[in-house]
Amino acid sequence: MDRVLVVSGTEKGHRFFAELMAAHGDYRLRGAGSGAEARRILAEDSFDQVIVNAPLPDEFGHDLALRAAEATAAGVILVVRGELADEVAARVEDFGVFVIAKPISRALFYQALRLTQAAHKRVMGLRTENEKLQVKIEEIRLVDRAKCVLIQVLGFTESEAHHYIEKQAMDLRLPRREIAERILRTYES
């Protein structure tokens, strides 16, 4: 069930988007009545989608949409008056904000919702992959530091140090990272 933050300055706007979302699927909605309130909510909670119904009481809403797109992995939809849609879209679409003109076509809204959901899932997949790669890079750095210690302290060649770490990992059935940490604890202290 996707979590959606709906930011609208009017209760009518909140009801409209709640009905629209309920007709399309199962969503957990949370509302905000202003840009400031939405920023506080975004700072303390995470969402799959953010819908901004511009204008808001304290700002137009495009800055909030940009902030949500920049600081979160959420798909962001900015709903603006028809005559402003092209101008606003030119300012925010490069940052991943999807702009919809009022009056809202249900078909277009659902299509935008599906597109932002797909983008959100892709971003989350990339974020997970990035985290795995960061862990792998950290492991490689640690193993390289351990190799350098073996080369400096025990006079191993790079190949011998590499083989030693690999063999210890296999013999002790431990990850290379653990072997590298043991080497560093032993020889760097």
N, C-alpha and C. Protein backbone atom coordinates (compact mmCIF):
# COMPACT_ATOMS: atom_id res chain seq x y z
N MET A 1 0.85 -1.17 0.00
CA MET A 1 0.00 0.00 0.00
C MET A 1 0.90 1.24 0.00
N ASP A 2 0.76 2.04 -1.04
CA ASP A 2 1.58 3.25 -1.16
C ASP A 2 1.14 4.30 -0.16
N ARG A 3 2.12 5.00 0.36
CA ARG A 3 1.86 6.13 1.27
C ARG A 3 1.92 7.41 0.45
N VAL A 4 0.88 8.23 0.57
CA VAL A 4 0.77 9.43 -0.25
C VAL A 4 0.55 10.64 0.65
N LEU A 5 1.34 11.69 0.42
CA LEU A 5 1.13 12.97 1.09
C LEU A 5 0.40 13.88 0.12
N VAL A 6 -0.78 14.34 0.52
CA VAL A 6 -1.56 15.27 -0.30
C VAL A 6 -1.47 16.64 0.35
N VAL A 7 -0.93 17.61 -0.40
CA VAL A 7 -0.77 18.96 0.11
C VAL A 7 -1.75 19.86 -0.64
N SER A 8 -2.71 20.39 0.10
CA SER A 8 -3.72 21.26 -0.50
C SER A 8 -4.15 22.29 0.53
N GLY A 9 -4.37 23.51 0.08
CA GLY A 9 -4.77 24.58 0.98
C GLY A 9 -6.23 24.55 1.37
N THR A 10 -7.01 23.68 0.74
CA THR A 10 -8.44 23.63 1.03
C THR A 10 -8.88 22.22 1.39
N GLU A 11 -9.91 22.15 2.22
CA GLU A 11 -10.48 20.85 2.57
C GLU A 11 -11.11 20.20 1.34
N LYS A 12 -11.67 21.02 0.47
CA LYS A 12 -12.27 20.52 -0.77
C LYS A 12 -11.21 19.80 -1.61
N GLY A 13 -10.02 20.39 -1.69
CA GLY A 13 -8.92 19.77 -2.43
C GLY A 13 -8.52 18.43 -1.83
N HIS A 14 -8.44 18.38 -0.49
CA HIS A 14 -8.11 17.12 0.18
C HIS A 14 -9.15 16.05 -0.13
N ARG A 15 -10.43 16.41 -0.04
CA ARG A 15 -11.50 15.45 -0.32
C ARG A 15 -11.44 14.97 -1.76
N PHE A 16 -11.20 15.91 -2.68
CA PHE A 16 -11.14 15.56 -4.10
C PHE A 16 -10.06 14.51 -4.36
N PHE A 17 -8.85 14.76 -3.85
CA PHE A 17 -7.76 13.81 -4.09
C PHE A 17 -7.96 12.51 -3.33
N ALA A 18 -8.58 12.57 -2.15
CA ALA A 18 -8.88 11.33 -1.41
C ALA A 18 -9.84 10.46 -2.22
N GLU A 19 -10.87 11.08 -2.82
CA GLU A 19 -11.83 10.33 -3.64
C GLU A 19 -11.16 9.78 -4.90
N LEU A 20 -10.33 10.60 -5.53
CA LEU A 20 -9.62 10.19 -6.74
C LEU A 20 -8.71 8.99 -6.45
N MET A 21 -7.99 9.07 -5.34
CA MET A 21 -7.07 7.99 -4.97
C MET A 21 -7.84 6.73 -4.57
N ALA A 22 -8.93 6.88 -3.84
CA ALA A 22 -9.72 5.73 -3.40
C ALA A 22 -10.29 4.97 -4.60
N ALA A 23 -10.64 5.70 -5.65
CA ALA A 23 -11.19 5.06 -6.84
C ALA A 23 -10.13 4.32 -7.65
N HIS A 24 -8.87 4.64 -7.41
CA HIS A 24 -7.78 4.07 -8.20
C HIS A 24 -7.07 2.90 -7.51
N GLY A 25 -7.17 2.82 -6.20
CA GLY A 25 -6.45 1.75 -5.52
C GLY A 25 -6.46 1.95 -4.03
N ASP A 26 -5.57 1.23 -3.36
CA ASP A 26 -5.49 1.26 -1.91
C ASP A 26 -4.28 2.08 -1.50
N TYR A 27 -4.52 3.26 -0.96
CA TYR A 27 -3.45 4.17 -0.57
C TYR A 27 -3.66 4.61 0.87
N ARG A 28 -2.56 4.86 1.55
CA ARG A 28 -2.62 5.49 2.87
C ARG A 28 -2.31 6.96 2.66
N LEU A 29 -3.31 7.79 2.89
CA LEU A 29 -3.17 9.22 2.64
C LEU A 29 -2.88 9.97 3.93
N ARG A 30 -2.07 11.00 3.79
CA ARG A 30 -1.84 11.95 4.87
C ARG A 30 -1.94 13.33 4.26
N GLY A 31 -2.57 14.23 4.94
CA GLY A 31 -2.78 15.55 4.39
C GLY A 31 -1.94 16.62 5.06
N ALA A 32 -1.68 17.67 4.30
CA ALA A 32 -1.01 18.87 4.82
C ALA A 32 -1.71 20.06 4.19
N GLY A 33 -1.90 21.12 4.99
CA GLY A 33 -2.64 22.28 4.51
C GLY A 33 -1.78 23.42 4.02
N SER A 34 -0.46 23.29 4.16
CA SER A 34 0.44 24.36 3.72
C SER A 34 1.80 23.78 3.36
N GLY A 35 2.62 24.60 2.73
CA GLY A 35 3.97 24.18 2.38
C GLY A 35 4.81 23.91 3.61
N ALA A 36 4.68 24.78 4.63
CA ALA A 36 5.46 24.62 5.85
C ALA A 36 5.10 23.31 6.56
N GLU A 37 3.81 23.04 6.65
CA GLU A 37 3.36 21.80 7.29
C GLU A 37 3.87 20.59 6.50
N ALA A 38 3.79 20.66 5.19
CA ALA A 38 4.26 19.56 4.34
C ALA A 38 5.76 19.32 4.54
N ARG A 39 6.54 20.39 4.64
CA ARG A 39 7.99 20.23 4.86
C ARG A 39 8.27 19.53 6.19
N ARG A 40 7.51 19.91 7.23
CA ARG A 40 7.70 19.25 8.53
C ARG A 40 7.37 17.76 8.43
N ILE A 41 6.28 17.45 7.76
CA ILE A 41 5.86 16.05 7.61
C ILE A 41 6.90 15.27 6.80
N LEU A 42 7.40 15.86 5.72
CA LEU A 42 8.40 15.19 4.88
C LEU A 42 9.71 14.96 5.64
N ALA A 43 10.02 15.86 6.58
CA ALA A 43 11.25 15.71 7.36
C ALA A 43 11.17 14.55 8.35
N GLU A 44 9.95 14.23 8.77
CA GLU A 44 9.82 13.19 9.79
C GLU A 44 9.26 11.87 9.28
N ASP A 45 8.79 11.84 8.04
CA ASP A 45 8.17 10.62 7.52
C ASP A 45 8.53 10.46 6.05
N SER A 46 8.36 9.25 5.52
CA SER A 46 8.65 9.03 4.10
C SER A 46 7.38 8.62 3.38
N PHE A 47 7.33 8.98 2.09
CA PHE A 47 6.15 8.74 1.27
C PHE A 47 6.57 8.20 -0.08
N ASP A 48 5.66 7.46 -0.70
CA ASP A 48 5.89 6.96 -2.04
C ASP A 48 5.50 8.00 -3.09
N GLN A 49 4.49 8.80 -2.75
CA GLN A 49 3.99 9.84 -3.66
C GLN A 49 3.75 11.11 -2.87
N VAL A 50 3.96 12.25 -3.53
CA VAL A 50 3.59 13.55 -2.96
C VAL A 50 2.79 14.28 -4.03
N ILE A 51 1.59 14.71 -3.66
CA ILE A 51 0.73 15.46 -4.58
C ILE A 51 0.57 16.86 -4.01
N VAL A 52 0.96 17.87 -4.78
CA VAL A 52 0.86 19.27 -4.35
C VAL A 52 -0.20 19.95 -5.21
N ASN A 53 -1.25 20.42 -4.56
CA ASN A 53 -2.34 21.12 -5.24
C ASN A 53 -2.10 22.62 -5.09
N ALA A 54 -1.50 23.24 -6.11
CA ALA A 54 -1.13 24.65 -6.04
C ALA A 54 -2.32 25.53 -6.42
N PRO A 55 -2.37 26.75 -5.89
CA PRO A 55 -1.45 27.36 -4.94
C PRO A 55 -1.79 26.96 -3.50
N LEU A 56 -0.81 27.09 -2.64
CA LEU A 56 -0.97 26.81 -1.22
C LEU A 56 -1.13 28.13 -0.47
N PRO A 57 -1.62 28.12 0.76
CA PRO A 57 -1.82 29.38 1.49
C PRO A 57 -0.53 30.16 1.74
N ASP A 58 0.59 29.46 1.93
CA ASP A 58 1.83 30.15 2.29
C ASP A 58 2.85 30.23 1.16
N GLU A 59 2.58 29.61 0.03
CA GLU A 59 3.48 29.65 -1.12
C GLU A 59 2.75 29.12 -2.34
N PHE A 60 3.38 29.22 -3.49
CA PHE A 60 2.72 28.70 -4.68
C PHE A 60 2.70 27.18 -4.68
N GLY A 61 3.82 26.55 -4.33
CA GLY A 61 3.87 25.09 -4.26
C GLY A 61 4.97 24.46 -5.10
N HIS A 62 5.51 25.21 -6.07
CA HIS A 62 6.55 24.61 -6.91
C HIS A 62 7.85 24.40 -6.14
N ASP A 63 8.15 25.31 -5.18
CA ASP A 63 9.36 25.12 -4.36
C ASP A 63 9.22 23.87 -3.48
N LEU A 64 8.04 23.66 -2.94
CA LEU A 64 7.79 22.46 -2.14
C LEU A 64 7.94 21.21 -3.00
N ALA A 65 7.38 21.24 -4.20
CA ALA A 65 7.48 20.09 -5.11
C ALA A 65 8.94 19.80 -5.45
N LEU A 66 9.71 20.86 -5.73
CA LEU A 66 11.14 20.68 -6.02
C LEU A 66 11.86 20.08 -4.82
N ARG A 67 11.56 20.59 -3.63
CA ARG A 67 12.20 20.10 -2.41
C ARG A 67 11.87 18.62 -2.19
N ALA A 68 10.60 18.26 -2.40
CA ALA A 68 10.18 16.86 -2.22
C ALA A 68 10.89 15.96 -3.22
N ALA A 69 11.01 16.42 -4.46
CA ALA A 69 11.68 15.61 -5.49
C ALA A 69 13.17 15.48 -5.20
N GLU A 70 13.77 16.53 -4.67
CA GLU A 70 15.21 16.55 -4.41
C GLU A 70 15.57 15.76 -3.15
N ALA A 71 14.78 15.89 -2.10
CA ALA A 71 15.14 15.34 -0.81
C ALA A 71 14.57 13.96 -0.52
N THR A 72 13.64 13.50 -1.36
CA THR A 72 13.02 12.19 -1.11
C THR A 72 13.05 11.36 -2.39
N ALA A 73 12.67 10.12 -2.26
CA ALA A 73 12.56 9.25 -3.43
C ALA A 73 11.13 9.19 -3.95
N ALA A 74 10.26 10.01 -3.37
CA ALA A 74 8.84 9.99 -3.73
C ALA A 74 8.62 10.50 -5.15
N GLY A 75 7.59 9.95 -5.78
CA GLY A 75 7.11 10.51 -7.04
C GLY A 75 6.33 11.77 -6.71
N VAL A 76 6.56 12.86 -7.43
CA VAL A 76 5.94 14.14 -7.09
C VAL A 76 5.07 14.62 -8.25
N ILE A 77 3.81 14.93 -7.92
CA ILE A 77 2.87 15.48 -8.88
C ILE A 77 2.48 16.87 -8.40
N LEU A 78 2.62 17.87 -9.27
CA LEU A 78 2.24 19.25 -8.96
C LEU A 78 1.04 19.59 -9.83
N VAL A 79 -0.07 19.94 -9.20
CA VAL A 79 -1.30 20.27 -9.91
C VAL A 79 -1.45 21.79 -9.90
N VAL A 80 -1.51 22.40 -11.11
CA VAL A 80 -1.58 23.87 -11.22
C VAL A 80 -2.70 24.27 -12.19
N ARG A 81 -3.07 25.55 -12.12
CA ARG A 81 -4.08 26.06 -13.05
C ARG A 81 -3.58 25.89 -14.48
N GLY A 82 -4.51 25.61 -15.38
CA GLY A 82 -4.19 25.31 -16.77
C GLY A 82 -3.32 26.33 -17.45
N GLU A 83 -3.58 27.62 -17.23
CA GLU A 83 -2.80 28.65 -17.92
C GLU A 83 -1.36 28.75 -17.42
N LEU A 84 -1.08 28.18 -16.25
CA LEU A 84 0.28 28.23 -15.70
C LEU A 84 1.07 26.94 -15.93
N ALA A 85 0.40 25.91 -16.40
CA ALA A 85 1.01 24.58 -16.46
C ALA A 85 2.30 24.54 -17.27
N ASP A 86 2.31 25.12 -18.45
CA ASP A 86 3.52 25.06 -19.28
C ASP A 86 4.69 25.80 -18.65
N GLU A 87 4.41 26.98 -18.10
CA GLU A 87 5.47 27.77 -17.47
C GLU A 87 6.04 27.05 -16.24
N VAL A 88 5.17 26.52 -15.41
CA VAL A 88 5.61 25.80 -14.21
C VAL A 88 6.35 24.52 -14.60
N ALA A 89 5.82 23.81 -15.58
CA ALA A 89 6.46 22.56 -16.03
C ALA A 89 7.89 22.82 -16.51
N ALA A 90 8.09 23.93 -17.21
CA ALA A 90 9.43 24.27 -17.70
C ALA A 90 10.41 24.46 -16.54
N ARG A 91 9.90 24.89 -15.38
CA ARG A 91 10.76 25.14 -14.23
C ARG A 91 11.02 23.91 -13.37
N VAL A 92 10.11 22.93 -13.40
CA VAL A 92 10.24 21.82 -12.44
C VAL A 92 10.42 20.43 -13.04
N GLU A 93 10.06 20.24 -14.29
CA GLU A 93 10.11 18.88 -14.84
C GLU A 93 11.51 18.30 -14.92
N ASP A 94 12.52 19.15 -15.12
CA ASP A 94 13.90 18.65 -15.17
C ASP A 94 14.35 18.07 -13.84
N PHE A 95 13.61 18.37 -12.78
CA PHE A 95 13.96 17.88 -11.44
C PHE A 95 13.09 16.69 -11.03
N GLY A 96 12.29 16.19 -11.99
CA GLY A 96 11.51 15.00 -11.72
C GLY A 96 10.10 15.24 -11.20
N VAL A 97 9.61 16.46 -11.33
CA VAL A 97 8.26 16.78 -10.88
C VAL A 97 7.32 16.68 -12.07
N PHE A 98 6.23 15.95 -11.91
CA PHE A 98 5.23 15.78 -12.97
C PHE A 98 4.16 16.84 -12.77
N VAL A 99 3.88 17.65 -13.80
CA VAL A 99 2.91 18.75 -13.70
C VAL A 99 1.62 18.36 -14.42
N ILE A 100 0.50 18.57 -13.73
CA ILE A 100 -0.82 18.33 -14.31
C ILE A 100 -1.61 19.64 -14.24
N ALA A 101 -2.29 19.95 -15.35
CA ALA A 101 -3.09 21.18 -15.41
C ALA A 101 -4.50 20.93 -14.89
N LYS A 102 -5.04 21.96 -14.20
CA LYS A 102 -6.45 21.95 -13.80
C LYS A 102 -7.26 22.49 -14.96
N PRO A 103 -8.46 22.08 -15.18
CA PRO A 103 -9.17 21.00 -14.46
C PRO A 103 -8.53 19.64 -14.77
N ILE A 104 -8.57 18.78 -13.77
CA ILE A 104 -7.87 17.50 -13.85
C ILE A 104 -8.70 16.46 -14.59
N SER A 105 -8.08 15.85 -15.57
CA SER A 105 -8.67 14.69 -16.25
C SER A 105 -8.30 13.46 -15.42
N ARG A 106 -9.29 12.67 -15.05
CA ARG A 106 -9.03 11.47 -14.25
C ARG A 106 -8.03 10.55 -14.95
N ALA A 107 -8.22 10.36 -16.24
CA ALA A 107 -7.33 9.46 -16.99
C ALA A 107 -5.89 9.97 -16.94
N LEU A 108 -5.70 11.26 -17.13
CA LEU A 108 -4.35 11.84 -17.09
C LEU A 108 -3.77 11.74 -15.69
N PHE A 109 -4.60 11.98 -14.68
CA PHE A 109 -4.12 11.89 -13.30
C PHE A 109 -3.66 10.47 -12.98
N TYR A 110 -4.46 9.47 -13.35
CA TYR A 110 -4.09 8.09 -13.08
C TYR A 110 -2.83 7.69 -13.84
N GLN A 111 -2.69 8.20 -15.06
CA GLN A 111 -1.49 7.92 -15.84
C GLN A 111 -0.27 8.55 -15.16
N ALA A 112 -0.42 9.79 -14.71
CA ALA A 112 0.68 10.47 -14.00
C ALA A 112 1.01 9.72 -12.71
N LEU A 113 0.00 9.26 -12.02
CA LEU A 113 0.21 8.51 -10.79
C LEU A 113 0.99 7.23 -11.06
N ARG A 114 0.61 6.51 -12.11
CA ARG A 114 1.33 5.27 -12.46
C ARG A 114 2.78 5.58 -12.86
N LEU A 115 2.98 6.65 -13.62
CA LEU A 115 4.34 7.01 -14.03
C LEU A 115 5.20 7.39 -12.83
N THR A 116 4.64 8.16 -11.91
CA THR A 116 5.44 8.54 -10.73
C THR A 116 5.66 7.34 -9.82
N GLN A 117 4.71 6.41 -9.77
CA GLN A 117 4.92 5.17 -9.00
C GLN A 117 6.07 4.36 -9.60
N ALA A 118 6.08 4.26 -10.91
CA ALA A 118 7.15 3.52 -11.59
C ALA A 118 8.50 4.20 -11.34
N ALA A 119 8.51 5.52 -11.42
CA ALA A 119 9.76 6.26 -11.17
C ALA A 119 10.21 6.06 -9.73
N HIS A 120 9.27 6.08 -8.79
CA HIS A 120 9.61 5.87 -7.38
C HIS A 120 10.23 4.49 -7.18
N LYS A 121 9.63 3.47 -7.78
CA LYS A 121 10.16 2.11 -7.64
C LYS A 121 11.55 2.00 -8.25
N ARG A 122 11.75 2.66 -9.37
CA ARG A 122 13.06 2.65 -10.01
C ARG A 122 14.10 3.33 -9.12
N VAL A 123 13.74 4.47 -8.57
CA VAL A 123 14.66 5.19 -7.68
C VAL A 123 14.98 4.34 -6.45
N MET A 124 13.98 3.69 -5.89
CA MET A 124 14.23 2.85 -4.72
C MET A 124 15.15 1.68 -5.07
N GLY A 125 14.95 1.10 -6.25
CA GLY A 125 15.84 0.03 -6.70
C GLY A 125 17.26 0.51 -6.87
N LEU A 126 17.41 1.68 -7.47
CA LEU A 126 18.74 2.26 -7.66
C LEU A 126 19.38 2.62 -6.32
N ARG A 127 18.57 3.11 -5.39
CA ARG A 127 19.09 3.46 -4.07
C ARG A 127 19.60 2.20 -3.35
N THR A 128 18.85 1.11 -3.45
CA THR A 128 19.27 -0.15 -2.83
C THR A 128 20.56 -0.66 -3.47
N GLU A 129 20.61 -0.59 -4.79
CA GLU A 129 21.82 -1.02 -5.51
C GLU A 129 23.01 -0.15 -5.11
N ASN A 130 22.79 1.14 -4.99
CA ASN A 130 23.85 2.07 -4.59
C ASN A 130 24.37 1.73 -3.20
N GLU A 131 23.46 1.42 -2.27
CA GLU A 131 23.89 1.06 -0.92
C GLU A 131 24.73 -0.21 -0.93
N LYS A 132 24.33 -1.19 -1.73
CA LYS A 132 25.11 -2.43 -1.83
C LYS A 132 26.50 -2.14 -2.39
N LEU A 133 26.56 -1.30 -3.41
CA LEU A 133 27.86 -0.95 -4.00
C LEU A 133 28.74 -0.18 -3.02
N GLN A 134 28.14 0.69 -2.21
CA GLN A 134 28.91 1.43 -1.21
C GLN A 134 29.53 0.47 -0.19
N VAL A 135 28.76 -0.55 0.22
CA VAL A 135 29.28 -1.55 1.15
C VAL A 135 30.43 -2.31 0.50
N LYS A 136 30.26 -2.68 -0.77
CA LYS A 136 31.31 -3.41 -1.49
C LYS A 136 32.57 -2.56 -1.63
N ILE A 137 32.41 -1.28 -1.95
CA ILE A 137 33.56 -0.38 -2.07
C ILE A 137 34.29 -0.27 -0.73
N GLU A 138 33.53 -0.16 0.35
CA GLU A 138 34.14 -0.08 1.68
C GLU A 138 34.91 -1.35 1.99
N GLU A 139 34.37 -2.51 1.60
CA GLU A 139 35.06 -3.78 1.82
C GLU A 139 36.36 -3.81 1.02
N ILE A 140 36.31 -3.38 -0.23
CA ILE A 140 37.52 -3.37 -1.07
C ILE A 140 38.58 -2.46 -0.46
N ARG A 141 38.17 -1.30 0.03
CA ARG A 141 39.14 -0.37 0.66
C ARG A 141 39.77 -1.00 1.90
N LEU A 142 38.94 -1.67 2.69
CA LEU A 142 39.44 -2.31 3.90
C LEU A 142 40.43 -3.43 3.56
N VAL A 143 40.09 -4.25 2.58
CA VAL A 143 40.99 -5.34 2.16
C VAL A 143 42.28 -4.75 1.59
N ASP A 144 42.19 -3.68 0.82
CA ASP A 144 43.40 -3.05 0.28
C ASP A 144 44.28 -2.49 1.39
N ARG A 145 43.65 -1.90 2.42
CA ARG A 145 44.44 -1.41 3.56
C ARG A 145 45.15 -2.57 4.25
N ALA A 146 44.44 -3.69 4.41
CA ALA A 146 45.04 -4.86 5.04
C ALA A 146 46.20 -5.40 4.20
N LYS A 147 46.04 -5.40 2.87
CA LYS A 147 47.13 -5.82 1.98
C LYS A 147 48.34 -4.92 2.17
N CYS A 148 48.12 -3.62 2.24
CA CYS A 148 49.23 -2.68 2.42
C CYS A 148 49.95 -2.94 3.74
N VAL A 149 49.20 -3.25 4.78
CA VAL A 149 49.82 -3.56 6.08
C VAL A 149 50.66 -4.83 5.96
N LEU A 150 50.13 -5.85 5.30
CA LEU A 150 50.90 -7.09 5.13
C LEU A 150 52.17 -6.85 4.31
N ILE A 151 52.07 -5.99 3.31
CA ILE A 151 53.23 -5.66 2.48
C ILE A 151 54.27 -4.92 3.30
N GLN A 152 53.83 -3.93 4.08
CA GLN A 152 54.76 -3.10 4.85
C GLN A 152 55.35 -3.83 6.05
N VAL A 153 54.51 -4.55 6.79
CA VAL A 153 54.96 -5.15 8.04
C VAL A 153 55.63 -6.51 7.82
N LEU A 154 55.04 -7.35 6.97
CA LEU A 154 55.55 -8.70 6.79
C LEU A 154 56.34 -8.89 5.50
N GLY A 155 56.42 -7.85 4.68
CA GLY A 155 57.20 -7.93 3.46
C GLY A 155 56.56 -8.76 2.35
N PHE A 156 55.26 -8.96 2.41
CA PHE A 156 54.56 -9.70 1.36
C PHE A 156 54.57 -8.90 0.07
N THR A 157 54.45 -9.60 -1.06
CA THR A 157 54.16 -8.91 -2.31
C THR A 157 52.64 -8.69 -2.34
N GLU A 158 52.19 -7.89 -3.29
CA GLU A 158 50.73 -7.64 -3.40
C GLU A 158 50.00 -8.94 -3.66
N SER A 159 50.56 -9.77 -4.51
CA SER A 159 49.95 -11.06 -4.84
C SER A 159 49.91 -11.98 -3.61
N GLU A 160 50.99 -12.01 -2.85
CA GLU A 160 51.03 -12.84 -1.64
C GLU A 160 50.01 -12.34 -0.60
N ALA A 161 49.93 -11.05 -0.45
CA ALA A 161 48.97 -10.47 0.51
C ALA A 161 47.54 -10.83 0.11
N HIS A 162 47.26 -10.70 -1.18
CA HIS A 162 45.93 -11.04 -1.69
C HIS A 162 45.63 -12.52 -1.42
N HIS A 163 46.57 -13.38 -1.76
CA HIS A 163 46.39 -14.82 -1.57
C HIS A 163 46.21 -15.15 -0.09
N TYR A 164 46.98 -14.50 0.77
CA TYR A 164 46.90 -14.75 2.22
C TYR A 164 45.50 -14.42 2.74
N ILE A 165 44.98 -13.27 2.36
CA ILE A 165 43.64 -12.86 2.82
C ILE A 165 42.58 -13.82 2.29
N GLU A 166 42.67 -14.18 1.02
CA GLU A 166 41.70 -15.11 0.42
C GLU A 166 41.75 -16.46 1.13
N LYS A 167 42.97 -16.98 1.37
CA LYS A 167 43.13 -18.29 2.00
C LYS A 167 42.60 -18.27 3.43
N GLN A 168 42.92 -17.21 4.18
CA GLN A 168 42.41 -17.10 5.55
C GLN A 168 40.87 -17.07 5.56
N ALA A 169 40.30 -16.35 4.62
CA ALA A 169 38.84 -16.25 4.54
C ALA A 169 38.22 -17.63 4.27
N MET A 170 38.83 -18.39 3.35
CA MET A 170 38.31 -19.72 3.04
C MET A 170 38.53 -20.69 4.21
N ASP A 171 39.75 -20.69 4.76
CA ASP A 171 40.07 -21.63 5.83
C ASP A 171 39.21 -21.39 7.08
N LEU A 172 39.00 -20.14 7.41
CA LEU A 172 38.25 -19.81 8.63
C LEU A 172 36.75 -19.62 8.37
N ARG A 173 36.38 -19.74 7.10
CA ARG A 173 34.97 -19.55 6.70
C ARG A 173 34.43 -18.20 7.20
N LEU A 174 35.21 -17.19 6.93
CA LEU A 174 34.84 -15.82 7.30
C LEU A 174 34.90 -14.94 6.06
N PRO A 175 34.16 -13.86 6.06
CA PRO A 175 34.24 -12.92 4.92
C PRO A 175 35.61 -12.25 4.88
N ARG A 176 36.02 -11.87 3.68
CA ARG A 176 37.31 -11.18 3.52
C ARG A 176 37.36 -9.92 4.39
N ARG A 177 36.23 -9.27 4.54
CA ARG A 177 36.17 -8.06 5.36
C ARG A 177 36.61 -8.36 6.80
N GLU A 178 36.12 -9.46 7.35
CA GLU A 178 36.47 -9.83 8.72
C GLU A 178 37.96 -10.13 8.84
N ILE A 179 38.51 -10.83 7.86
CA ILE A 179 39.95 -11.13 7.86
C ILE A 179 40.74 -9.83 7.80
N ALA A 180 40.33 -8.92 6.93
CA ALA A 180 41.01 -7.63 6.79
C ALA A 180 40.95 -6.85 8.10
N GLU A 181 39.80 -6.86 8.76
CA GLU A 181 39.67 -6.15 10.04
C GLU A 181 40.59 -6.75 11.09
N ARG A 182 40.70 -8.09 11.11
CA ARG A 182 41.60 -8.75 12.06
C ARG A 182 43.05 -8.37 11.80
N ILE A 183 43.43 -8.36 10.53
CA ILE A 183 44.81 -7.98 10.17
C ILE A 183 45.09 -6.55 10.63
N LEU A 184 44.16 -5.66 10.36
CA LEU A 184 44.35 -4.26 10.74
C LEU A 184 44.41 -4.10 12.26
N ARG A 185 43.57 -4.82 13.00
CA ARG A 185 43.61 -4.75 14.46
C ARG A 185 44.95 -5.27 14.98
N THR A 186 45.46 -6.33 14.36
CA THR A 186 46.70 -6.94 14.82
C THR A 186 47.91 -6.05 14.55
N TYR A 187 48.01 -5.52 13.33
CA TYR A 187 49.24 -4.85 12.93
C TYR A 187 49.19 -3.32 12.99
N GLU A 188 48.01 -2.73 13.08
CA GLU A 188 47.96 -1.26 13.12
C GLU A 188 47.93 -0.72 14.54
N SER A 189 47.79 -1.57 15.54
CA SER A 189 47.69 -1.07 16.91
C SER A 189 49.00 -0.99 17.62
